[in-house]
PDB file of N, CA and C in Angstrom:
ATOM      1  N   UNK A   1      23.965   0.193 -14.997  1.00  0.00           N
ATOM      2  CA  UNK A   1      22.589   0.402 -14.601  1.00  0.00           C
ATOM      3  C   UNK A   1      22.420   1.831 -14.065  1.00  0.00           C
ATOM      4  N   UNK A   2      21.390   2.502 -14.540  1.00  0.00           N
ATOM      5  CA  UNK A   2      21.136   3.877 -14.117  1.00  0.00           C
ATOM      6  C   UNK A   2      20.692   3.916 -12.658  1.00  0.00           C
ATOM      7  N   UNK A   3      21.140   4.933 -11.953  1.00  0.00           N
ATOM      8  CA  UNK A   3      20.682   5.170 -10.589  1.00  0.00           C
ATOM      9  C   UNK A   3      19.283   5.772 -10.657  1.00  0.00           C
ATOM     10  N   UNK A   4      18.436   5.334  -9.728  1.00  0.00           N
ATOM     11  CA  UNK A   4      17.040   5.765  -9.711  1.00  0.00           C
ATOM     12  C   UNK A   4      16.831   6.829  -8.630  1.00  0.00           C
ATOM     13  N   UNK A   5      16.216   7.946  -9.028  1.00  0.00           N
ATOM     14  CA  UNK A   5      15.919   9.042  -8.107  1.00  0.00           C
ATOM     15  C   UNK A   5      14.411   9.263  -8.072  1.00  0.00           C
ATOM     16  N   UNK A   6      13.868   9.337  -6.867  1.00  0.00           N
ATOM     17  CA  UNK A   6      12.444   9.635  -6.671  1.00  0.00           C
ATOM     18  C   UNK A   6      12.308  11.084  -6.235  1.00  0.00           C
ATOM     19  N   UNK A   7      11.543  11.863  -7.004  1.00  0.00           N
ATOM     20  CA  UNK A   7      11.250  13.259  -6.673  1.00  0.00           C
ATOM     21  C   UNK A   7       9.900  13.312  -5.985  1.00  0.00           C
ATOM     22  N   UNK A   8       9.832  13.950  -4.828  1.00  0.00           N
ATOM     23  CA  UNK A   8       8.559  14.100  -4.113  1.00  0.00           C
ATOM     24  C   UNK A   8       8.365  15.575  -3.806  1.00  0.00           C
ATOM     25  N   UNK A   9       7.396  16.182  -4.501  1.00  0.00           N
ATOM     26  CA  UNK A   9       7.148  17.619  -4.368  1.00  0.00           C
ATOM     27  C   UNK A   9       5.758  17.905  -4.908  1.00  0.00           C
ATOM     28  N   UNK A  10       5.055  18.844  -4.303  1.00  0.00           N
ATOM     29  CA  UNK A  10       3.724  19.196  -4.796  1.00  0.00           C
ATOM     30  C   UNK A  10       3.775  20.235  -5.915  1.00  0.00           C
ATOM     31  N   UNK A  11       4.970  20.688  -6.282  1.00  0.00           N
ATOM     32  CA  UNK A  11       5.145  21.667  -7.365  1.00  0.00           C
ATOM     33  C   UNK A  11       5.498  20.920  -8.655  1.00  0.00           C
ATOM     34  N   UNK A  12       4.494  20.689  -9.488  1.00  0.00           N
ATOM     35  CA  UNK A  12       4.696  19.896 -10.708  1.00  0.00           C
ATOM     36  C   UNK A  12       5.644  20.566 -11.687  1.00  0.00           C
ATOM     37  N   UNK A  13       5.645  21.885 -11.756  1.00  0.00           N
ATOM     38  CA  UNK A  13       6.579  22.589 -12.644  1.00  0.00           C
ATOM     39  C   UNK A  13       8.025  22.342 -12.219  1.00  0.00           C
ATOM     40  N   UNK A  14       8.281  22.408 -10.909  1.00  0.00           N
ATOM     41  CA  UNK A  14       9.631  22.156 -10.413  1.00  0.00           C
ATOM     42  C   UNK A  14      10.050  20.714 -10.707  1.00  0.00           C
ATOM     43  N   UNK A  15       9.140  19.779 -10.477  1.00  0.00           N
ATOM     44  CA  UNK A  15       9.452  18.372 -10.761  1.00  0.00           C
ATOM     45  C   UNK A  15       9.786  18.184 -12.231  1.00  0.00           C
ATOM     46  N   UNK A  16       9.004  18.776 -13.119  1.00  0.00           N
ATOM     47  CA  UNK A  16       9.275  18.634 -14.556  1.00  0.00           C
ATOM     48  C   UNK A  16      10.647  19.198 -14.919  1.00  0.00           C
ATOM     49  N   UNK A  17      10.987  20.363 -14.369  1.00  0.00           N
ATOM     50  CA  UNK A  17      12.260  20.989 -14.667  1.00  0.00           C
ATOM     51  C   UNK A  17      13.431  20.161 -14.156  1.00  0.00           C
ATOM     52  N   UNK A  18      13.368  19.737 -12.897  1.00  0.00           N
ATOM     53  CA  UNK A  18      14.496  19.001 -12.321  1.00  0.00           C
ATOM     54  C   UNK A  18      14.576  17.589 -12.904  1.00  0.00           C
ATOM     55  N   UNK A  19      13.437  17.001 -13.247  1.00  0.00           N
ATOM     56  CA  UNK A  19      13.444  15.659 -13.861  1.00  0.00           C
ATOM     57  C   UNK A  19      14.186  15.685 -15.192  1.00  0.00           C
ATOM     58  N   UNK A  20      13.960  16.720 -15.986  1.00  0.00           N
ATOM     59  CA  UNK A  20      14.669  16.829 -17.265  1.00  0.00           C
ATOM     60  C   UNK A  20      16.173  16.929 -17.050  1.00  0.00           C
ATOM     61  N   UNK A  21      16.603  17.721 -16.069  1.00  0.00           N
ATOM     62  CA  UNK A  21      18.035  17.858 -15.780  1.00  0.00           C
ATOM     63  C   UNK A  21      18.629  16.529 -15.314  1.00  0.00           C
ATOM     64  N   UNK A  22      17.906  15.832 -14.453  1.00  0.00           N
ATOM     65  CA  UNK A  22      18.406  14.556 -13.938  1.00  0.00           C
ATOM     66  C   UNK A  22      18.471  13.494 -15.034  1.00  0.00           C
ATOM     67  N   UNK A  23      17.454  13.442 -15.878  1.00  0.00           N
ATOM     68  CA  UNK A  23      17.456  12.486 -16.983  1.00  0.00           C
ATOM     69  C   UNK A  23      18.599  12.789 -17.944  1.00  0.00           C
ATOM     70  N   UNK A  24      18.824  14.064 -18.209  1.00  0.00           N
ATOM     71  CA  UNK A  24      19.926  14.469 -19.075  1.00  0.00           C
ATOM     72  C   UNK A  24      21.274  14.053 -18.480  1.00  0.00           C
ATOM     73  N   UNK A  25      21.361  14.047 -17.147  1.00  0.00           N
ATOM     74  CA  UNK A  25      22.588  13.641 -16.453  1.00  0.00           C
ATOM     75  C   UNK A  25      22.716  12.121 -16.350  1.00  0.00           C
ATOM     76  N   UNK A  26      21.706  11.386 -16.844  1.00  0.00           N
ATOM     77  CA  UNK A  26      21.807   9.932 -16.884  1.00  0.00           C
ATOM     78  C   UNK A  26      21.090   9.174 -15.790  1.00  0.00           C
ATOM     79  N   UNK A  27      20.222   9.854 -15.056  1.00  0.00           N
ATOM     80  CA  UNK A  27      19.486   9.195 -13.988  1.00  0.00           C
ATOM     81  C   UNK A  27      18.107   8.747 -14.468  1.00  0.00           C
ATOM     82  N   UNK A  28      17.605   7.693 -13.845  1.00  0.00           N
ATOM     83  CA  UNK A  28      16.215   7.287 -14.037  1.00  0.00           C
ATOM     84  C   UNK A  28      15.409   8.056 -12.993  1.00  0.00           C
ATOM     85  N   UNK A  29      14.303   8.657 -13.402  1.00  0.00           N
ATOM     86  CA  UNK A  29      13.548   9.528 -12.502  1.00  0.00           C
ATOM     87  C   UNK A  29      12.091   9.090 -12.403  1.00  0.00           C
ATOM     88  N   UNK A  30      11.593   9.028 -11.171  1.00  0.00           N
ATOM     89  CA  UNK A  30      10.177   8.825 -10.897  1.00  0.00           C
ATOM     90  C   UNK A  30       9.724   9.997 -10.049  1.00  0.00           C
ATOM     91  N   UNK A  31       8.412  10.244 -10.023  1.00  0.00           N
ATOM     92  CA  UNK A  31       7.912  11.401  -9.276  1.00  0.00           C
ATOM     93  C   UNK A  31       6.634  11.069  -8.531  1.00  0.00           C
ATOM     94  N   UNK A  32       6.462  11.757  -7.408  1.00  0.00           N
ATOM     95  CA  UNK A  32       5.230  11.705  -6.628  1.00  0.00           C
ATOM     96  C   UNK A  32       4.911  13.143  -6.233  1.00  0.00           C
ATOM     97  N   UNK A  33       3.626  13.459  -6.183  1.00  0.00           N
ATOM     98  CA  UNK A  33       3.214  14.844  -5.959  1.00  0.00           C
ATOM     99  C   UNK A  33       2.566  15.090  -4.593  1.00  0.00           C
ATOM    100  N   UNK A  34       2.560  14.064  -3.738  1.00  0.00           N
ATOM    101  CA  UNK A  34       2.003  14.222  -2.401  1.00  0.00           C
ATOM    102  C   UNK A  34       2.655  13.197  -1.472  1.00  0.00           C
ATOM    103  N   UNK A  35       2.569  13.417  -0.172  1.00  0.00           N
ATOM    104  CA  UNK A  35       3.236  12.538   0.784  1.00  0.00           C
ATOM    105  C   UNK A  35       2.760  11.080   0.749  1.00  0.00           C
ATOM    106  N   UNK A  36       1.486  10.852   0.536  1.00  0.00           N
ATOM    107  CA  UNK A  36       0.965   9.479   0.544  1.00  0.00           C
ATOM    108  C   UNK A  36       1.543   8.674  -0.616  1.00  0.00           C
ATOM    109  N   UNK A  37       1.447   9.209  -1.839  1.00  0.00           N
ATOM    110  CA  UNK A  37       2.000   8.485  -2.984  1.00  0.00           C
ATOM    111  C   UNK A  37       3.525   8.458  -2.920  1.00  0.00           C
ATOM    112  N   UNK A  38       4.140   9.487  -2.340  1.00  0.00           N
ATOM    113  CA  UNK A  38       5.591   9.502  -2.183  1.00  0.00           C
ATOM    114  C   UNK A  38       6.077   8.373  -1.286  1.00  0.00           C
ATOM    115  N   UNK A  39       5.397   8.169  -0.179  1.00  0.00           N
ATOM    116  CA  UNK A  39       5.753   7.074   0.724  1.00  0.00           C
ATOM    117  C   UNK A  39       5.566   5.728   0.028  1.00  0.00           C
ATOM    118  N   UNK A  40       4.438   5.554  -0.648  1.00  0.00           N
ATOM    119  CA  UNK A  40       4.158   4.296  -1.345  1.00  0.00           C
ATOM    120  C   UNK A  40       5.207   4.020  -2.421  1.00  0.00           C
ATOM    121  N   UNK A  41       5.576   5.053  -3.186  1.00  0.00           N
ATOM    122  CA  UNK A  41       6.567   4.858  -4.239  1.00  0.00           C
ATOM    123  C   UNK A  41       7.955   4.581  -3.657  1.00  0.00           C
ATOM    124  N   UNK A  42       8.300   5.213  -2.564  1.00  0.00           N
ATOM    125  CA  UNK A  42       9.602   4.958  -1.934  1.00  0.00           C
ATOM    126  C   UNK A  42       9.704   3.489  -1.532  1.00  0.00           C
ATOM    127  N   UNK A  43       8.626   2.942  -0.983  1.00  0.00           N
ATOM    128  CA  UNK A  43       8.618   1.542  -0.573  1.00  0.00           C
ATOM    129  C   UNK A  43       8.644   0.621  -1.792  1.00  0.00           C
ATOM    130  N   UNK A  44       7.819   0.915  -2.783  1.00  0.00           N
ATOM    131  CA  UNK A  44       7.695   0.039  -3.951  1.00  0.00           C
ATOM    132  C   UNK A  44       8.912   0.098  -4.872  1.00  0.00           C
ATOM    133  N   UNK A  45       9.446   1.292  -5.105  1.00  0.00           N
ATOM    134  CA  UNK A  45      10.517   1.472  -6.096  1.00  0.00           C
ATOM    135  C   UNK A  45      11.919   1.269  -5.539  1.00  0.00           C
ATOM    136  N   UNK A  46      12.078   1.471  -4.236  1.00  0.00           N
ATOM    137  CA  UNK A  46      13.399   1.390  -3.604  1.00  0.00           C
ATOM    138  C   UNK A  46      14.436   2.210  -4.392  1.00  0.00           C
ATOM    139  N   UNK A  47      14.201   3.517  -4.530  1.00  0.00           N
ATOM    140  CA  UNK A  47      15.129   4.352  -5.308  1.00  0.00           C
ATOM    141  C   UNK A  47      16.494   4.437  -4.626  1.00  0.00           C
ATOM    142  N   UNK A  48      17.478   4.849  -5.399  1.00  0.00           N
ATOM    143  CA  UNK A  48      18.819   5.047  -4.859  1.00  0.00           C
ATOM    144  C   UNK A  48      18.911   6.344  -4.067  1.00  0.00           C
ATOM    145  N   UNK A  49      17.992   7.278  -4.344  1.00  0.00           N
ATOM    146  CA  UNK A  49      17.988   8.584  -3.696  1.00  0.00           C
ATOM    147  C   UNK A  49      16.594   9.187  -3.799  1.00  0.00           C
ATOM    148  N   UNK A  50      16.221   9.962  -2.777  1.00  0.00           N
ATOM    149  CA  UNK A  50      14.960  10.706  -2.799  1.00  0.00           C
ATOM    150  C   UNK A  50      15.285  12.190  -2.693  1.00  0.00           C
ATOM    151  N   UNK A  51      14.688  12.991  -3.588  1.00  0.00           N
ATOM    152  CA  UNK A  51      14.711  14.447  -3.466  1.00  0.00           C
ATOM    153  C   UNK A  51      13.342  14.842  -2.946  1.00  0.00           C
ATOM    154  N   UNK A  52      13.294  15.489  -1.801  1.00  0.00           N
ATOM    155  CA  UNK A  52      12.043  15.733  -1.098  1.00  0.00           C
ATOM    156  C   UNK A  52      11.859  17.199  -0.739  1.00  0.00           C
ATOM    157  N   UNK A  53      10.659  17.703  -1.021  1.00  0.00           N
ATOM    158  CA  UNK A  53      10.253  19.018  -0.530  1.00  0.00           C
ATOM    159  C   UNK A  53       9.506  18.792   0.776  1.00  0.00           C
ATOM    160  N   UNK A  54      10.010  19.310   1.873  1.00  0.00           N
ATOM    161  CA  UNK A  54       9.331  19.114   3.153  1.00  0.00           C
ATOM    162  C   UNK A  54       8.192  20.104   3.361  1.00  0.00           C
ATOM    163  N   UNK A  55       8.101  21.139   2.525  1.00  0.00           N
ATOM    164  CA  UNK A  55       7.064  22.157   2.687  1.00  0.00           C
ATOM    165  C   UNK A  55       5.812  21.821   1.873  1.00  0.00           C
ATOM    166  N   UNK A  56       5.260  20.655   2.129  1.00  0.00           N
ATOM    167  CA  UNK A  56       3.991  20.287   1.510  1.00  0.00           C
ATOM    168  C   UNK A  56       2.880  20.539   2.524  1.00  0.00           C
ATOM    169  N   UNK A  57       1.636  20.618   2.078  1.00  0.00           N
ATOM    170  CA  UNK A  57       0.529  20.942   2.978  1.00  0.00           C
ATOM    171  C   UNK A  57       0.470  20.071   4.233  1.00  0.00           C
ATOM    172  N   UNK A  58       0.085  20.701   5.331  1.00  0.00           N
ATOM    173  CA  UNK A  58      -0.149  20.046   6.623  1.00  0.00           C
ATOM    174  C   UNK A  58       1.080  19.324   7.160  1.00  0.00           C
ATOM    175  N   UNK A  59       2.274  19.853   6.871  1.00  0.00           N
ATOM    176  CA  UNK A  59       3.490  19.220   7.383  1.00  0.00           C
ATOM    177  C   UNK A  59       3.789  17.878   6.758  1.00  0.00           C
ATOM    178  N   UNK A  60       3.174  17.623   5.614  1.00  0.00           N
ATOM    179  CA  UNK A  60       3.275  16.315   4.983  1.00  0.00           C
ATOM    180  C   UNK A  60       4.671  15.878   4.620  1.00  0.00           C
ATOM    181  N   UNK A  61       5.526  16.808   4.234  1.00  0.00           N
ATOM    182  CA  UNK A  61       6.882  16.449   3.855  1.00  0.00           C
ATOM    183  C   UNK A  61       7.713  15.980   5.035  1.00  0.00           C
ATOM    184  N   UNK A  62       7.560  16.651   6.161  1.00  0.00           N
ATOM    185  CA  UNK A  62       8.279  16.239   7.371  1.00  0.00           C
ATOM    186  C   UNK A  62       7.796  14.877   7.851  1.00  0.00           C
ATOM    187  N   UNK A  63       6.490  14.684   7.819  1.00  0.00           N
ATOM    188  CA  UNK A  63       5.919  13.397   8.220  1.00  0.00           C
ATOM    189  C   UNK A  63       6.385  12.291   7.281  1.00  0.00           C
ATOM    190  N   UNK A  64       6.413  12.584   5.980  1.00  0.00           N
ATOM    191  CA  UNK A  64       6.891  11.613   5.003  1.00  0.00           C
ATOM    192  C   UNK A  64       8.344  11.229   5.310  1.00  0.00           C
ATOM    193  N   UNK A  65       9.182  12.217   5.593  1.00  0.00           N
ATOM    194  CA  UNK A  65      10.570  11.946   5.925  1.00  0.00           C
ATOM    195  C   UNK A  65      10.677  11.049   7.150  1.00  0.00           C
ATOM    196  N   UNK A  66       9.898  11.345   8.166  1.00  0.00           N
ATOM    197  CA  UNK A  66       9.899  10.518   9.378  1.00  0.00           C
ATOM    198  C   UNK A  66       9.447   9.094   9.048  1.00  0.00           C
ATOM    199  N   UNK A  67       8.400   8.960   8.228  1.00  0.00           N
ATOM    200  CA  UNK A  67       7.910   7.632   7.853  1.00  0.00           C
ATOM    201  C   UNK A  67       8.960   6.842   7.074  1.00  0.00           C
ATOM    202  N   UNK A  68       9.683   7.517   6.186  1.00  0.00           N
ATOM    203  CA  UNK A  68      10.748   6.858   5.418  1.00  0.00           C
ATOM    204  C   UNK A  68      11.840   6.364   6.366  1.00  0.00           C
ATOM    205  N   UNK A  69      12.198   7.178   7.330  1.00  0.00           N
ATOM    206  CA  UNK A  69      13.250   6.803   8.280  1.00  0.00           C
ATOM    207  C   UNK A  69      12.803   5.701   9.249  1.00  0.00           C
ATOM    208  N   UNK A  70      11.498   5.618   9.514  1.00  0.00           N
ATOM    209  CA  UNK A  70      10.974   4.614  10.442  1.00  0.00           C
ATOM    210  C   UNK A  70      10.645   3.280   9.773  1.00  0.00           C
ATOM    211  N   UNK A  71      10.680   3.224   8.442  1.00  0.00           N
ATOM    212  CA  UNK A  71      10.295   2.011   7.712  1.00  0.00           C
ATOM    213  C   UNK A  71      11.535   1.173   7.395  1.00  0.00           C
ATOM    214  N   UNK A  72      11.492  -0.098   7.720  1.00  0.00           N
ATOM    215  CA  UNK A  72      12.640  -0.981   7.501  1.00  0.00           C
ATOM    216  C   UNK A  72      13.036  -1.085   6.029  1.00  0.00           C
ATOM    217  N   UNK A  73      12.092  -0.888   5.120  1.00  0.00           N
ATOM    218  CA  UNK A  73      12.379  -0.999   3.692  1.00  0.00           C
ATOM    219  C   UNK A  73      13.005   0.272   3.113  1.00  0.00           C
ATOM    220  N   UNK A  74      12.881   1.397   3.818  1.00  0.00           N
ATOM    221  CA  UNK A  74      13.328   2.671   3.237  1.00  0.00           C
ATOM    222  C   UNK A  74      14.298   3.466   4.111  1.00  0.00           C
ATOM    223  N   UNK A  75      14.583   2.996   5.310  1.00  0.00           N
ATOM    224  CA  UNK A  75      15.345   3.836   6.237  1.00  0.00           C
ATOM    225  C   UNK A  75      16.768   4.128   5.782  1.00  0.00           C
ATOM    226  N   UNK A  76      17.328   3.322   4.878  1.00  0.00           N
ATOM    227  CA  UNK A  76      18.700   3.570   4.426  1.00  0.00           C
ATOM    228  C   UNK A  76      18.779   4.391   3.137  1.00  0.00           C
ATOM    229  N   UNK A  77      17.631   4.693   2.525  1.00  0.00           N
ATOM    230  CA  UNK A  77      17.639   5.480   1.278  1.00  0.00           C
ATOM    231  C   UNK A  77      18.071   6.911   1.602  1.00  0.00           C
ATOM    232  N   UNK A  78      19.111   7.407   0.935  1.00  0.00           N
ATOM    233  CA  UNK A  78      19.515   8.791   1.175  1.00  0.00           C
ATOM    234  C   UNK A  78      18.437   9.773   0.699  1.00  0.00           C
ATOM    235  N   UNK A  79      18.261  10.833   1.470  1.00  0.00           N
ATOM    236  CA  UNK A  79      17.272  11.866   1.154  1.00  0.00           C
ATOM    237  C   UNK A  79      17.975  13.216   1.117  1.00  0.00           C
ATOM    238  N   UNK A  80      17.750  13.941   0.024  1.00  0.00           N
ATOM    239  CA  UNK A  80      18.193  15.333  -0.058  1.00  0.00           C
ATOM    240  C   UNK A  80      16.931  16.184  -0.070  1.00  0.00           C
ATOM    241  N   UNK A  81      16.864  17.124   0.860  1.00  0.00           N
ATOM    242  CA  UNK A  81      15.712  18.016   0.956  1.00  0.00           C
ATOM    243  C   UNK A  81      15.954  19.246   0.090  1.00  0.00           C
ATOM    244  N   UNK A  82      14.961  19.578  -0.720  1.00  0.00           N
ATOM    245  CA  UNK A  82      14.969  20.791  -1.533  1.00  0.00           C
ATOM    246  C   UNK A  82      13.688  21.527  -1.163  1.00  0.00           C
ATOM    247  N   UNK A  83      13.820  22.680  -0.519  1.00  0.00           N
ATOM    248  CA  UNK A  83      12.643  23.333   0.028  1.00  0.00           C
ATOM    249  C   UNK A  83      12.679  24.840  -0.154  1.00  0.00           C
ATOM    250  N   UNK A  84      11.503  25.423  -0.253  1.00  0.00           N
ATOM    251  CA  UNK A  84      11.368  26.869  -0.355  1.00  0.00           C
ATOM    252  C   UNK A  84      11.586  27.573   0.968  1.00  0.00           C
ATOM    253  N   UNK A  85      11.710  26.825   2.043  1.00  0.00           N
ATOM    254  CA  UNK A  85      11.892  27.417   3.364  1.00  0.00           C
ATOM    255  C   UNK A  85      13.358  27.629   3.674  1.00  0.00           C
ATOM    256  N   UNK A  86      13.691  28.819   4.140  1.00  0.00           N
ATOM    257  CA  UNK A  86      15.051  29.102   4.583  1.00  0.00           C
ATOM    258  C   UNK A  86      15.130  29.122   6.106  1.00  0.00           C
ATOM    259  N   UNK A  87      14.087  28.684   6.770  1.00  0.00           N
ATOM    260  CA  UNK A  87      13.981  28.678   8.216  1.00  0.00           C
ATOM    261  C   UNK A  87      15.066  27.782   8.827  1.00  0.00           C
ATOM    262  N   UNK A  88      15.938  28.374   9.618  1.00  0.00           N
ATOM    263  CA  UNK A  88      17.062  27.648  10.223  1.00  0.00           C
ATOM    264  C   UNK A  88      16.573  26.546  11.160  1.00  0.00           C
ATOM    265  N   UNK A  89      15.512  26.825  11.905  1.00  0.00           N
ATOM    266  CA  UNK A  89      14.960  25.826  12.829  1.00  0.00           C
ATOM    267  C   UNK A  89      14.442  24.612  12.061  1.00  0.00           C
ATOM    268  N   UNK A  90      13.766  24.866  10.937  1.00  0.00           N
ATOM    269  CA  UNK A  90      13.264  23.790  10.086  1.00  0.00           C
ATOM    270  C   UNK A  90      14.424  22.948   9.565  1.00  0.00           C
ATOM    271  N   UNK A  91      15.453  23.614   9.085  1.00  0.00           N
ATOM    272  CA  UNK A  91      16.615  22.918   8.547  1.00  0.00           C
ATOM    273  C   UNK A  91      17.235  22.006   9.606  1.00  0.00           C
ATOM    274  N   UNK A  92      17.395  22.509  10.815  1.00  0.00           N
ATOM    275  CA  UNK A  92      17.985  21.713  11.891  1.00  0.00           C
ATOM    276  C   UNK A  92      17.092  20.531  12.270  1.00  0.00           C
ATOM    277  N   UNK A  93      15.778  20.740  12.306  1.00  0.00           N
ATOM    278  CA  UNK A  93      14.879  19.653  12.703  1.00  0.00           C
ATOM    279  C   UNK A  93      14.874  18.516  11.686  1.00  0.00           C
ATOM    280  N   UNK A  94      14.955  18.837  10.392  1.00  0.00           N
ATOM    281  CA  UNK A  94      14.972  17.751   9.407  1.00  0.00           C
ATOM    282  C   UNK A  94      16.333  17.070   9.362  1.00  0.00           C
ATOM    283  N   UNK A  95      17.392  17.796   9.649  1.00  0.00           N
ATOM    284  CA  UNK A  95      18.710  17.163   9.705  1.00  0.00           C
ATOM    285  C   UNK A  95      18.766  16.151  10.846  1.00  0.00           C
ATOM    286  N   UNK A  96      18.073  16.447  11.947  1.00  0.00           N
ATOM    287  CA  UNK A  96      18.020  15.512  13.069  1.00  0.00           C
ATOM    288  C   UNK A  96      17.311  14.220  12.690  1.00  0.00           C
ATOM    289  N   UNK A  97      16.311  14.310  11.813  1.00  0.00           N
ATOM    290  CA  UNK A  97      15.595  13.112  11.358  1.00  0.00           C
ATOM    291  C   UNK A  97      16.514  12.272  10.475  1.00  0.00           C
ATOM    292  N   UNK A  98      17.372  12.934   9.734  1.00  0.00           N
ATOM    293  CA  UNK A  98      18.349  12.227   8.920  1.00  0.00           C
ATOM    294  C   UNK A  98      18.224  12.504   7.439  1.00  0.00           C
ATOM    295  N   UNK A  99      18.981  13.482   6.947  1.00  0.00           N
ATOM    296  CA  UNK A  99      19.029  13.772   5.519  1.00  0.00           C
ATOM    297  C   UNK A  99      20.485  13.878   5.090  1.00  0.00           C
ATOM    298  N   UNK A 100      20.709  13.661   3.811  1.00  0.00           N
ATOM    299  CA  UNK A 100      22.060  13.726   3.263  1.00  0.00           C
ATOM    300  C   UNK A 100      22.435  15.126   2.797  1.00  0.00           C
ATOM    301  N   UNK A 101      21.449  15.993   2.628  1.00  0.00           N
ATOM    302  CA  UNK A 101      21.712  17.348   2.186  1.00  0.00           C
ATOM    303  C   UNK A 101      20.462  18.190   2.253  1.00  0.00           C
ATOM    304  N   UNK A 102      20.654  19.508   2.177  1.00  0.00           N
ATOM    305  CA  UNK A 102      19.541  20.458   2.253  1.00  0.00           C
ATOM    306  C   UNK A 102      19.843  21.599   1.296  1.00  0.00           C
ATOM    307  N   UNK A 103      18.932  21.841   0.351  1.00  0.00           N
ATOM    308  CA  UNK A 103      19.088  22.915  -0.623  1.00  0.00           C
ATOM    309  C   UNK A 103      17.853  23.806  -0.606  1.00  0.00           C
ATOM    310  N   UNK A 104      18.034  25.109  -0.411  1.00  0.00           N
ATOM    311  CA  UNK A 104      16.889  26.026  -0.489  1.00  0.00           C
ATOM    312  C   UNK A 104      16.514  26.277  -1.954  1.00  0.00           C
ATOM    313  N   UNK A 105      15.224  26.492  -2.190  1.00  0.00           N
ATOM    314  CA  UNK A 105      14.749  26.901  -3.518  1.00  0.00           C
ATOM    315  C   UNK A 105      14.842  28.410  -3.599  1.00  0.00           C
ATOM    316  N   UNK A 106      15.149  28.982  -4.737  1.00  0.00           N
ATOM    317  CA  UNK A 106      15.474  28.297  -5.985  1.00  0.00           C
ATOM    318  C   UNK A 106      16.832  27.623  -5.872  1.00  0.00           C
ATOM    319  N   UNK A 107      16.913  26.420  -6.381  1.00  0.00           N
ATOM    320  CA  UNK A 107      18.106  25.606  -6.223  1.00  0.00           C
ATOM    321  C   UNK A 107      19.077  25.828  -7.388  1.00  0.00           C
ATOM    322  N   UNK A 108      20.351  25.817  -7.065  1.00  0.00           N
ATOM    323  CA  UNK A 108      21.402  25.841  -8.077  1.00  0.00           C
ATOM    324  C   UNK A 108      21.530  24.396  -8.560  1.00  0.00           C
ATOM    325  N   UNK A 109      21.012  24.103  -9.761  1.00  0.00           N
ATOM    326  CA  UNK A 109      20.975  22.715 -10.221  1.00  0.00           C
ATOM    327  C   UNK A 109      22.366  22.125 -10.406  1.00  0.00           C
ATOM    328  N   UNK A 110      23.345  22.940 -10.742  1.00  0.00           N
ATOM    329  CA  UNK A 110      24.712  22.441 -10.847  1.00  0.00           C
ATOM    330  C   UNK A 110      25.216  21.914  -9.512  1.00  0.00           C
ATOM    331  N   UNK A 111      24.989  22.685  -8.450  1.00  0.00           N
ATOM    332  CA  UNK A 111      25.402  22.256  -7.106  1.00  0.00           C
ATOM    333  C   UNK A 111      24.591  21.053  -6.644  1.00  0.00           C
ATOM    334  N   UNK A 112      23.310  21.031  -6.979  1.00  0.00           N
ATOM    335  CA  UNK A 112      22.468  19.892  -6.619  1.00  0.00           C
ATOM    336  C   UNK A 112      22.962  18.619  -7.305  1.00  0.00           C
ATOM    337  N   UNK A 113      23.265  18.700  -8.604  1.00  0.00           N
ATOM    338  CA  UNK A 113      23.782  17.536  -9.324  1.00  0.00           C
ATOM    339  C   UNK A 113      25.114  17.072  -8.740  1.00  0.00           C
ATOM    340  N   UNK A 114      25.937  18.008  -8.330  1.00  0.00           N
ATOM    341  CA  UNK A 114      27.208  17.669  -7.699  1.00  0.00           C
ATOM    342  C   UNK A 114      26.975  16.909  -6.392  1.00  0.00           C
ATOM    343  N   UNK A 115      26.043  17.393  -5.587  1.00  0.00           N
ATOM    344  CA  UNK A 115      25.733  16.737  -4.308  1.00  0.00           C
ATOM    345  C   UNK A 115      25.126  15.350  -4.532  1.00  0.00           C
ATOM    346  N   UNK A 116      24.250  15.237  -5.518  1.00  0.00           N
ATOM    347  CA  UNK A 116      23.669  13.933  -5.847  1.00  0.00           C
ATOM    348  C   UNK A 116      24.782  12.950  -6.214  1.00  0.00           C
ATOM    349  N   UNK A 117      25.727  13.403  -7.021  1.00  0.00           N
ATOM    350  CA  UNK A 117      26.860  12.554  -7.389  1.00  0.00           C
ATOM    351  C   UNK A 117      27.649  12.096  -6.182  1.00  0.00           C
ATOM    352  N   UNK A 118      27.882  12.997  -5.231  1.00  0.00           N
ATOM    353  CA  UNK A 118      28.613  12.635  -4.014  1.00  0.00           C
ATOM    354  C   UNK A 118      27.841  11.608  -3.199  1.00  0.00           C
ATOM    355  N   UNK A 119      26.547  11.867  -3.021  1.00  0.00           N
ATOM    356  CA  UNK A 119      25.723  10.963  -2.221  1.00  0.00           C
ATOM    357  C   UNK A 119      25.650   9.573  -2.849  1.00  0.00           C
ATOM    358  N   UNK A 120      25.577   9.540  -4.171  1.00  0.00           N
ATOM    359  CA  UNK A 120      25.473   8.255  -4.865  1.00  0.00           C
ATOM    360  C   UNK A 120      26.836   7.627  -5.167  1.00  0.00           C
ATOM    361  N   UNK A 121      27.897   8.293  -4.754  1.00  0.00           N
ATOM    362  CA  UNK A 121      29.227   7.708  -4.860  1.00  0.00           C
ATOM    363  C   UNK A 121      29.899   7.812  -6.196  1.00  0.00           C
ATOM    364  N   UNK A 122      29.554   8.824  -6.979  1.00  0.00           N
ATOM    365  CA  UNK A 122      30.236   9.045  -8.251  1.00  0.00           C
ATOM    366  C   UNK A 122      30.315  10.535  -8.520  1.00  0.00           C
ATOM    367  N   UNK A 123      31.143  10.895  -9.454  1.00  0.00           N
ATOM    368  CA  UNK A 123      31.324  12.314  -9.784  1.00  0.00           C
ATOM    369  C   UNK A 123      30.462  12.684 -10.958  1.00  0.00           C
ATOM    370  N   UNK A 124      29.986  13.926 -10.924  1.00  0.00           N
ATOM    371  CA  UNK A 124      29.184  14.448 -12.047  1.00  0.00           C
ATOM    372  C   UNK A 124      30.104  15.142 -12.999  1.00  0.00           C
TER     373      UNK A 124
END
C-alpha cells in the first residue's frame, strides 16, 4: 500500500512540482492550498505525512500546525516543514510545536525525499 502524503502550501507551482517527484517516488499525494482546507484534509484523509509551508498569509501555516498537534485525530501525523523563511527564531518556534524536519526553500528534493523515507520508516 502506498504511503499517503498531504502537501499544504499556497504556492501551486511548488505543489505541482513536488507532487510529481513524490508520485514518481511511489507516494500517493493530496494537496491543499490554504490552512482551512489543509486542516480539513488532514483530519479526513489521515495521511502518513504532511509537508507544510508555515509561511502562508496571516500566520496560517503556524496556526494550522498548532491545530494539527492539538487535534486527537491528527496529533501523531509527522509534519515536515518546507518554507521560504530562513528565520532561525521561526525555525525554533515551529520545532517546539513538533515537527519531524525543516527544509528551507528552494528545497533539495533529493534530501527531502531521503528525509521523507526516514520519517516514514523506509529508505529511498
